[in-house]
Amino acid sequence: MAACSVCPLLAQCGAQLNDRLAAGEKVSGQIQAGRLFNADGGEVDPENTDAFATARGLKKRRKRSTSPTSVPAAGRPAELFPDVAA
């Protein structure tokens, strides 16, 4: 977003963005004309950028099974296929 502030095309980019938004077009998941839009198309306030970035970096934890699955030792194929005679 800081790069936008020194871009020579900022005014043109801002005008194009305003035209897109006025036409009802949804801008999502991108930074355009120095403005950040979330995945839902909502604009993120500049003072909330850090909190937004932190929240995007968080991942939901997967639940781990409480009991590990036992695996037969290598070299014991009979344990892999108990219904088959050796």
PDB file of N, CA and C in Angstrom:
ATOM      1  N   MET A   1       0.825  -1.179   0.000  1.00  0.00           N
ATOM      2  CA  MET A   1       0.000   0.000   0.000  1.00  0.00           C
ATOM      3  C   MET A   1       0.875   1.251   0.000  1.00  0.00           C
ATOM      4  N   ALA A   2       2.035   1.169   0.620  1.00  0.00           N
ATOM      5  CA  ALA A   2       2.940   2.316   0.603  1.00  0.00           C
ATOM      6  C   ALA A   2       3.444   2.565  -0.810  1.00  0.00           C
ATOM      7  N   ALA A   3       3.587   1.497  -1.590  1.00  0.00           N
ATOM      8  CA  ALA A   3       4.049   1.649  -2.967  1.00  0.00           C
ATOM      9  C   ALA A   3       3.049   2.458  -3.785  1.00  0.00           C
ATOM     10  N   CYS A   4       1.786   2.339  -3.470  1.00  0.00           N
ATOM     11  CA  CYS A   4       0.763   3.098  -4.200  1.00  0.00           C
ATOM     12  C   CYS A   4       0.954   4.602  -4.020  1.00  0.00           C
ATOM     13  N   SER A   5       1.415   5.007  -2.848  1.00  0.00           N
ATOM     14  CA  SER A   5       1.532   6.446  -2.578  1.00  0.00           C
ATOM     15  C   SER A   5       2.583   7.135  -3.442  1.00  0.00           C
ATOM     16  N   VAL A   6       3.534   6.368  -3.984  1.00  0.00           N
ATOM     17  CA  VAL A   6       4.561   6.968  -4.848  1.00  0.00           C
ATOM     18  C   VAL A   6       4.362   6.607  -6.317  1.00  0.00           C
ATOM     19  N   CYS A   7       3.304   5.896  -6.621  1.00  0.00           N
ATOM     20  CA  CYS A   7       3.051   5.463  -8.002  1.00  0.00           C
ATOM     21  C   CYS A   7       2.564   6.642  -8.848  1.00  0.00           C
ATOM     22  N   PRO A   8       3.153   6.829 -10.025  1.00  0.00           N
ATOM     23  CA  PRO A   8       2.704   7.930 -10.874  1.00  0.00           C
ATOM     24  C   PRO A   8       1.299   7.711 -11.451  1.00  0.00           C
ATOM     25  N   LEU A   9       0.781   6.497 -11.345  1.00  0.00           N
ATOM     26  CA  LEU A   9      -0.554   6.197 -11.874  1.00  0.00           C
ATOM     27  C   LEU A   9      -1.635   6.190 -10.796  1.00  0.00           C
ATOM     28  N   LEU A  10      -1.299   6.640  -9.589  1.00  0.00           N
ATOM     29  CA  LEU A  10      -2.248   6.578  -8.474  1.00  0.00           C
ATOM     30  C   LEU A  10      -3.556   7.308  -8.779  1.00  0.00           C
ATOM     31  N   ALA A  11      -3.485   8.498  -9.335  1.00  0.00           N
ATOM     32  CA  ALA A  11      -4.713   9.254  -9.624  1.00  0.00           C
ATOM     33  C   ALA A  11      -5.580   8.518 -10.631  1.00  0.00           C
ATOM     34  N   GLN A  12      -4.971   8.008 -11.685  1.00  0.00           N
ATOM     35  CA  GLN A  12      -5.713   7.258 -12.703  1.00  0.00           C
ATOM     36  C   GLN A  12      -6.296   5.975 -12.115  1.00  0.00           C
ATOM     37  N   CYS A  13      -5.495   5.281 -11.333  1.00  0.00           N
ATOM     38  CA  CYS A  13      -5.938   4.041 -10.701  1.00  0.00           C
ATOM     39  C   CYS A  13      -7.112   4.307  -9.752  1.00  0.00           C
ATOM     40  N   GLY A  14      -7.010   5.387  -8.964  1.00  0.00           N
ATOM     41  CA  GLY A  14      -8.081   5.759  -8.037  1.00  0.00           C
ATOM     42  C   GLY A  14      -9.372   6.096  -8.764  1.00  0.00           C
ATOM     43  N   ALA A  15      -9.247   6.794  -9.896  1.00  0.00           N
ATOM     44  CA  ALA A  15     -10.436   7.146 -10.681  1.00  0.00           C
ATOM     45  C   ALA A  15     -11.090   5.896 -11.253  1.00  0.00           C
ATOM     46  N   GLN A  16     -10.265   4.975 -11.746  1.00  0.00           N
ATOM     47  CA  GLN A  16     -10.806   3.717 -12.285  1.00  0.00           C
ATOM     48  C   GLN A  16     -11.476   2.904 -11.192  1.00  0.00           C
ATOM     49  N   LEU A  17     -10.872   2.865 -10.016  1.00  0.00           N
ATOM     50  CA  LEU A  17     -11.469   2.141  -8.898  1.00  0.00           C
ATOM     51  C   LEU A  17     -12.809   2.753  -8.513  1.00  0.00           C
ATOM     52  N   ASN A  18     -12.853   4.064  -8.414  1.00  0.00           N
ATOM     53  CA  ASN A  18     -14.116   4.733  -8.069  1.00  0.00           C
ATOM     54  C   ASN A  18     -15.199   4.458  -9.107  1.00  0.00           C
ATOM     55  N   ASP A  19     -14.828   4.419 -10.386  1.00  0.00           N
ATOM     56  CA  ASP A  19     -15.786   4.103 -11.445  1.00  0.00           C
ATOM     57  C   ASP A  19     -16.312   2.673 -11.297  1.00  0.00           C
ATOM     58  N   ARG A  20     -15.401   1.739 -11.002  1.00  0.00           N
ATOM     59  CA  ARG A  20     -15.808   0.339 -10.822  1.00  0.00           C
ATOM     60  C   ARG A  20     -16.766   0.189  -9.650  1.00  0.00           C
ATOM     61  N   LEU A  21     -16.428   0.843  -8.538  1.00  0.00           N
ATOM     62  CA  LEU A  21     -17.281   0.754  -7.352  1.00  0.00           C
ATOM     63  C   LEU A  21     -18.631   1.417  -7.588  1.00  0.00           C
ATOM     64  N   ALA A  22     -18.642   2.548  -8.289  1.00  0.00           N
ATOM     65  CA  ALA A  22     -19.894   3.247  -8.594  1.00  0.00           C
ATOM     66  C   ALA A  22     -20.790   2.410  -9.500  1.00  0.00           C
ATOM     67  N   ALA A  23     -20.170   1.593 -10.358  1.00  0.00           N
ATOM     68  CA  ALA A  23     -20.936   0.734 -11.255  1.00  0.00           C
ATOM     69  C   ALA A  23     -21.427  -0.535 -10.546  1.00  0.00           C
ATOM     70  N   GLY A  24     -21.074  -0.663  -9.275  1.00  0.00           N
ATOM     71  CA  GLY A  24     -21.529  -1.825  -8.503  1.00  0.00           C
ATOM     72  C   GLY A  24     -20.620  -3.037  -8.610  1.00  0.00           C
ATOM     73  N   GLU A  25     -19.469  -2.849  -9.217  1.00  0.00           N
ATOM     74  CA  GLU A  25     -18.533  -3.968  -9.350  1.00  0.00           C
ATOM     75  C   GLU A  25     -17.905  -4.266  -7.993  1.00  0.00           C
ATOM     76  N   LYS A  26     -17.724  -5.534  -7.715  1.00  0.00           N
ATOM     77  CA  LYS A  26     -17.144  -5.954  -6.451  1.00  0.00           C
ATOM     78  C   LYS A  26     -15.635  -6.123  -6.615  1.00  0.00           C
ATOM     79  N   VAL A  27     -14.883  -5.471  -5.765  1.00  0.00           N
ATOM     80  CA  VAL A  27     -13.428  -5.608  -5.741  1.00  0.00           C
ATOM     81  C   VAL A  27     -13.118  -6.437  -4.505  1.00  0.00           C
ATOM     82  N   SER A  28     -12.507  -7.589  -4.686  1.00  0.00           N
ATOM     83  CA  SER A  28     -12.260  -8.434  -3.522  1.00  0.00           C
ATOM     84  C   SER A  28     -10.860  -9.023  -3.533  1.00  0.00           C
ATOM     85  N   GLY A  29     -10.306  -9.124  -2.327  1.00  0.00           N
ATOM     86  CA  GLY A  29      -9.026  -9.776  -2.135  1.00  0.00           C
ATOM     87  C   GLY A  29      -7.860  -9.101  -2.822  1.00  0.00           C
ATOM     88  N   GLN A  30      -7.859  -7.782  -2.858  1.00  0.00           N
ATOM     89  CA  GLN A  30      -6.760  -7.092  -3.524  1.00  0.00           C
ATOM     90  C   GLN A  30      -6.562  -5.687  -2.969  1.00  0.00           C
ATOM     91  N   ILE A  31      -5.410  -5.137  -3.324  1.00  0.00           N
ATOM     92  CA  ILE A  31      -5.115  -3.749  -3.001  1.00  0.00           C
ATOM     93  C   ILE A  31      -5.136  -2.994  -4.319  1.00  0.00           C
ATOM     94  N   GLN A  32      -5.915  -1.957  -4.358  1.00  0.00           N
ATOM     95  CA  GLN A  32      -5.981  -1.144  -5.562  1.00  0.00           C
ATOM     96  C   GLN A  32      -6.080   0.316  -5.149  1.00  0.00           C
ATOM     97  N   ALA A  33      -5.304   1.149  -5.806  1.00  0.00           N
ATOM     98  CA  ALA A  33      -5.265   2.595  -5.530  1.00  0.00           C
ATOM     99  C   ALA A  33      -4.992   2.871  -4.055  1.00  0.00           C
ATOM    100  N   GLY A  34      -4.174   2.020  -3.445  1.00  0.00           N
ATOM    101  CA  GLY A  34      -3.820   2.216  -2.045  1.00  0.00           C
ATOM    102  C   GLY A  34      -4.904   1.819  -1.071  1.00  0.00           C
ATOM    103  N   ARG A  35      -5.933   1.133  -1.546  1.00  0.00           N
ATOM    104  CA  ARG A  35      -7.058   0.714  -0.708  1.00  0.00           C
ATOM    105  C   ARG A  35      -7.114  -0.805  -0.676  1.00  0.00           C
ATOM    106  N   LEU A  36      -7.294  -1.368   0.514  1.00  0.00           N
ATOM    107  CA  LEU A  36      -7.307  -2.815   0.717  1.00  0.00           C
ATOM    108  C   LEU A  36      -8.741  -3.319   0.790  1.00  0.00           C
ATOM    109  N   PHE A  37      -9.018  -4.368   0.023  1.00  0.00           N
ATOM    110  CA  PHE A  37     -10.342  -4.991   0.019  1.00  0.00           C
ATOM    111  C   PHE A  37     -10.209  -6.435   0.465  1.00  0.00           C
ATOM    112  N   ASN A  38     -11.094  -6.868   1.363  1.00  0.00           N
ATOM    113  CA  ASN A  38     -11.045  -8.251   1.836  1.00  0.00           C
ATOM    114  C   ASN A  38     -11.727  -9.180   0.833  1.00  0.00           C
ATOM    115  N   ALA A  39     -11.752 -10.467   1.154  1.00  0.00           N
ATOM    116  CA  ALA A  39     -12.307 -11.463   0.236  1.00  0.00           C
ATOM    117  C   ALA A  39     -13.797 -11.273  -0.014  1.00  0.00           C
ATOM    118  N   ASP A  40     -14.485 -10.623   0.903  1.00  0.00           N
ATOM    119  CA  ASP A  40     -15.923 -10.382   0.744  1.00  0.00           C
ATOM    120  C   ASP A  40     -16.223  -9.092  -0.003  1.00  0.00           C
ATOM    121  N   GLY A  41     -15.179  -8.348  -0.351  1.00  0.00           N
ATOM    122  CA  GLY A  41     -15.379  -7.096  -1.070  1.00  0.00           C
ATOM    123  C   GLY A  41     -15.485  -5.878  -0.178  1.00  0.00           C
ATOM    124  N   GLY A  42     -15.353  -6.080   1.123  1.00  0.00           N
ATOM    125  CA  GLY A  42     -15.393  -4.943   2.037  1.00  0.00           C
ATOM    126  C   GLY A  42     -14.047  -4.241   2.093  1.00  0.00           C
ATOM    127  N   GLU A  43     -14.082  -2.945   2.237  1.00  0.00           N
ATOM    128  CA  GLU A  43     -12.834  -2.188   2.323  1.00  0.00           C
ATOM    129  C   GLU A  43     -12.333  -2.213   3.759  1.00  0.00           C
ATOM    130  N   VAL A  44     -11.045  -2.493   3.915  1.00  0.00           N
ATOM    131  CA  VAL A  44     -10.418  -2.539   5.231  1.00  0.00           C
ATOM    132  C   VAL A  44      -9.862  -1.150   5.535  1.00  0.00           C
ATOM    133  N   ASP A  45     -10.247  -0.588   6.676  1.00  0.00           N
ATOM    134  CA  ASP A  45      -9.741   0.727   7.070  1.00  0.00           C
ATOM    135  C   ASP A  45      -8.231   0.669   7.223  1.00  0.00           C
ATOM    136  N   PRO A  46      -7.527   1.710   6.796  1.00  0.00           N
ATOM    137  CA  PRO A  46      -6.068   1.700   6.899  1.00  0.00           C
ATOM    138  C   PRO A  46      -5.548   1.425   8.311  1.00  0.00           C
ATOM    139  N   GLU A  47      -6.259   1.907   9.337  1.00  0.00           N
ATOM    140  CA  GLU A  47      -5.796   1.663  10.711  1.00  0.00           C
ATOM    141  C   GLU A  47      -5.994   0.205  11.140  1.00  0.00           C
ATOM    142  N   ASN A  48      -6.773  -0.559  10.391  1.00  0.00           N
ATOM    143  CA  ASN A  48      -7.007  -1.972  10.712  1.00  0.00           C
ATOM    144  C   ASN A  48      -6.207  -2.921   9.821  1.00  0.00           C
ATOM    145  N   THR A  49      -5.313  -2.389   9.015  1.00  0.00           N
ATOM    146  CA  THR A  49      -4.560  -3.219   8.074  1.00  0.00           C
ATOM    147  C   THR A  49      -3.728  -4.275   8.784  1.00  0.00           C
ATOM    148  N   ASP A  50      -3.023  -3.888   9.858  1.00  0.00           N
ATOM    149  CA  ASP A  50      -2.187  -4.855  10.572  1.00  0.00           C
ATOM    150  C   ASP A  50      -3.019  -5.970  11.190  1.00  0.00           C
ATOM    151  N   ALA A  51      -4.135  -5.622  11.804  1.00  0.00           N
ATOM    152  CA  ALA A  51      -5.002  -6.639  12.407  1.00  0.00           C
ATOM    153  C   ALA A  51      -5.569  -7.561  11.333  1.00  0.00           C
ATOM    154  N   PHE A  52      -5.920  -6.996  10.178  1.00  0.00           N
ATOM    155  CA  PHE A  52      -6.436  -7.796   9.077  1.00  0.00           C
ATOM    156  C   PHE A  52      -5.376  -8.770   8.580  1.00  0.00           C
ATOM    157  N   ALA A  53      -4.146  -8.281   8.413  1.00  0.00           N
ATOM    158  CA  ALA A  53      -3.057  -9.134   7.933  1.00  0.00           C
ATOM    159  C   ALA A  53      -2.758 -10.252   8.926  1.00  0.00           C
ATOM    160  N   THR A  54      -2.781  -9.931  10.212  1.00  0.00           N
ATOM    161  CA  THR A  54      -2.539 -10.940  11.236  1.00  0.00           C
ATOM    162  C   THR A  54      -3.633 -12.001  11.209  1.00  0.00           C
ATOM    163  N   ALA A  55      -4.876 -11.571  11.102  1.00  0.00           N
ATOM    164  CA  ALA A  55      -5.998 -12.511  11.079  1.00  0.00           C
ATOM    165  C   ALA A  55      -5.940 -13.407   9.841  1.00  0.00           C
ATOM    166  N   ARG A  56      -5.512 -12.861   8.708  1.00  0.00           N
ATOM    167  CA  ARG A  56      -5.410 -13.665   7.482  1.00  0.00           C
ATOM    168  C   ARG A  56      -4.324 -14.714   7.607  1.00  0.00           C
ATOM    169  N   GLY A  57      -3.318 -14.445   8.412  1.00  0.00           N
ATOM    170  CA  GLY A  57      -2.209 -15.388   8.560  1.00  0.00           C
ATOM    171  C   GLY A  57      -2.519 -16.531   9.504  1.00  0.00           C
ATOM    172  N   LEU A  58      -3.581 -16.406  10.289  1.00  0.00           N
ATOM    173  CA  LEU A  58      -3.940 -17.469  11.230  1.00  0.00           C
ATOM    174  C   LEU A  58      -4.625 -18.603  10.486  1.00  0.00           C
ATOM    175  N   LYS A  59      -4.301 -19.808  10.901  1.00  0.00           N
ATOM    176  CA  LYS A  59      -4.925 -20.983  10.292  1.00  0.00           C
ATOM    177  C   LYS A  59      -5.715 -21.720  11.357  1.00  0.00           C
ATOM    178  N   LYS A  60      -6.802 -22.327  10.941  1.00  0.00           N
ATOM    179  CA  LYS A  60      -7.587 -23.115  11.870  1.00  0.00           C
ATOM    180  C   LYS A  60      -6.823 -24.402  12.168  1.00  0.00           C
ATOM    181  N   ARG A  61      -6.816 -24.781  13.426  1.00  0.00           N
ATOM    182  CA  ARG A  61      -6.129 -26.009  13.812  1.00  0.00           C
ATOM    183  C   ARG A  61      -6.985 -27.211  13.486  1.00  0.00           C
ATOM    184  N   ARG A  62      -6.306 -28.225  12.964  1.00  0.00           N
ATOM    185  CA  ARG A  62      -7.001 -29.483  12.700  1.00  0.00           C
ATOM    186  C   ARG A  62      -7.082 -30.272  13.988  1.00  0.00           C
ATOM    187  N   LYS A  63      -8.176 -30.966  14.169  1.00  0.00           N
ATOM    188  CA  LYS A  63      -8.304 -31.833  15.333  1.00  0.00           C
ATOM    189  C   LYS A  63      -7.513 -33.109  15.058  1.00  0.00           C
ATOM    190  N   ARG A  64      -6.714 -33.475  16.016  1.00  0.00           N
ATOM    191  CA  ARG A  64      -5.947 -34.706  15.893  1.00  0.00           C
ATOM    192  C   ARG A  64      -6.701 -35.820  16.578  1.00  0.00           C
ATOM    193  N   SER A  65      -6.572 -37.014  16.043  1.00  0.00           N
ATOM    194  CA  SER A  65      -7.226 -38.148  16.683  1.00  0.00           C
ATOM    195  C   SER A  65      -6.521 -38.411  18.007  1.00  0.00           C
ATOM    196  N   THR A  66      -7.283 -38.867  18.983  1.00  0.00           N
ATOM    197  CA  THR A  66      -6.711 -39.096  20.306  1.00  0.00           C
ATOM    198  C   THR A  66      -5.973 -40.420  20.392  1.00  0.00           C
ATOM    199  N   SER A  67      -6.323 -41.375  19.552  1.00  0.00           N
ATOM    200  CA  SER A  67      -5.633 -42.661  19.598  1.00  0.00           C
ATOM    201  C   SER A  67      -4.911 -42.898  18.270  1.00  0.00           C
ATOM    202  N   PRO A  68      -3.603 -43.120  18.344  1.00  0.00           N
ATOM    203  CA  PRO A  68      -2.864 -43.361  17.104  1.00  0.00           C
ATOM    204  C   PRO A  68      -3.230 -44.710  16.501  1.00  0.00           C
ATOM    205  N   THR A  69      -3.214 -44.771  15.206  1.00  0.00           N
ATOM    206  CA  THR A  69      -3.497 -46.015  14.504  1.00  0.00           C
ATOM    207  C   THR A  69      -2.233 -46.860  14.491  1.00  0.00           C
ATOM    208  N   SER A  70      -2.359 -48.106  14.871  1.00  0.00           N
ATOM    209  CA  SER A  70      -1.177 -48.966  14.878  1.00  0.00           C
ATOM    210  C   SER A  70      -0.896 -49.466  13.473  1.00  0.00           C
ATOM    211  N   VAL A  71       0.356 -49.561  13.148  1.00  0.00           N
ATOM    212  CA  VAL A  71       0.798 -50.025  11.841  1.00  0.00           C
ATOM    213  C   VAL A  71       1.645 -51.265  12.061  1.00  0.00           C
ATOM    214  N   PRO A  72       1.362 -52.383  11.357  1.00  0.00           N
ATOM    215  CA  PRO A  72       2.164 -53.593  11.532  1.00  0.00           C
ATOM    216  C   PRO A  72       3.621 -53.339  11.163  1.00  0.00           C
ATOM    217  N   ALA A  73       4.488 -54.024  11.842  1.00  0.00           N
ATOM    218  CA  ALA A  73       5.915 -53.887  11.569  1.00  0.00           C
ATOM    219  C   ALA A  73       6.229 -54.407  10.176  1.00  0.00           C
ATOM    220  N   ALA A  74       7.215 -53.794   9.551  1.00  0.00           N
ATOM    221  CA  ALA A  74       7.647 -54.248   8.228  1.00  0.00           C
ATOM    222  C   ALA A  74       8.136 -55.684   8.324  1.00  0.00           C
ATOM    223  N   GLY A  75       7.893 -56.457   7.285  1.00  0.00           N
ATOM    224  CA  GLY A  75       8.329 -57.850   7.279  1.00  0.00           C
ATOM    225  C   GLY A  75       7.303 -58.798   7.866  1.00  0.00           C
ATOM    226  N   ARG A  76       6.127 -58.303   8.199  1.00  0.00           N
ATOM    227  CA  ARG A  76       5.059 -59.160   8.734  1.00  0.00           C
ATOM    228  C   ARG A  76       3.803 -58.976   7.893  1.00  0.00           C
ATOM    229  N   PRO A  77       3.821 -59.460   6.644  1.00  0.00           N
ATOM    230  CA  PRO A  77       2.673 -59.263   5.757  1.00  0.00           C
ATOM    231  C   PRO A  77       1.415 -59.956   6.243  1.00  0.00           C
ATOM    232  N   ALA A  78       1.538 -60.986   7.044  1.00  0.00           N
ATOM    233  CA  ALA A  78       0.364 -61.689   7.543  1.00  0.00           C
ATOM    234  C   ALA A  78      -0.488 -60.776   8.416  1.00  0.00           C
ATOM    235  N   GLU A  79       0.138 -59.822   9.079  1.00  0.00           N
ATOM    236  CA  GLU A  79      -0.616 -58.882   9.893  1.00  0.00           C
ATOM    237  C   GLU A  79      -1.360 -57.877   9.041  1.00  0.00           C
ATOM    238  N   LEU A  80      -0.861 -57.631   7.838  1.00  0.00           N
ATOM    239  CA  LEU A  80      -1.536 -56.707   6.940  1.00  0.00           C
ATOM    240  C   LEU A  80      -2.797 -57.321   6.346  1.00  0.00           C
ATOM    241  N   PHE A  81      -2.761 -58.642   6.095  1.00  0.00           N
ATOM    242  CA  PHE A  81      -3.882 -59.353   5.469  1.00  0.00           C
ATOM    243  C   PHE A  81      -4.213 -60.579   6.299  1.00  0.00           C
ATOM    244  N   PRO A  82      -4.929 -60.411   7.404  1.00  0.00           N
ATOM    245  CA  PRO A  82      -5.184 -61.541   8.307  1.00  0.00           C
ATOM    246  C   PRO A  82      -6.086 -62.621   7.702  1.00  0.00           C
ATOM    247  N   ASP A  83      -6.889 -62.296   6.704  1.00  0.00           N
ATOM    248  CA  ASP A  83      -7.813 -63.279   6.125  1.00  0.00           C
ATOM    249  C   ASP A  83      -7.172 -64.136   5.044  1.00  0.00           C
ATOM    250  N   VAL A  84      -5.954 -63.837   4.694  1.00  0.00           N
ATOM    251  CA  VAL A  84      -5.274 -64.575   3.627  1.00  0.00           C
ATOM    252  C   VAL A  84      -4.269 -65.512   4.262  1.00  0.00           C
ATOM    253  N   ALA A  85      -4.328 -66.785   3.856  1.00  0.00           N
ATOM    254  CA  ALA A  85      -3.385 -67.773   4.394  1.00  0.00           C
ATOM    255  C   ALA A  85      -2.000 -67.548   3.788  1.00  0.00           C
ATOM    256  N   ALA A  86      -0.989 -67.727   4.611  1.00  0.00           N
ATOM    257  CA  ALA A  86       0.390 -67.515   4.140  1.00  0.00           C
ATOM    258  C   ALA A  86       0.900 -68.672   3.340  1.00  0.00           C
TER     259      ALA A  86
END
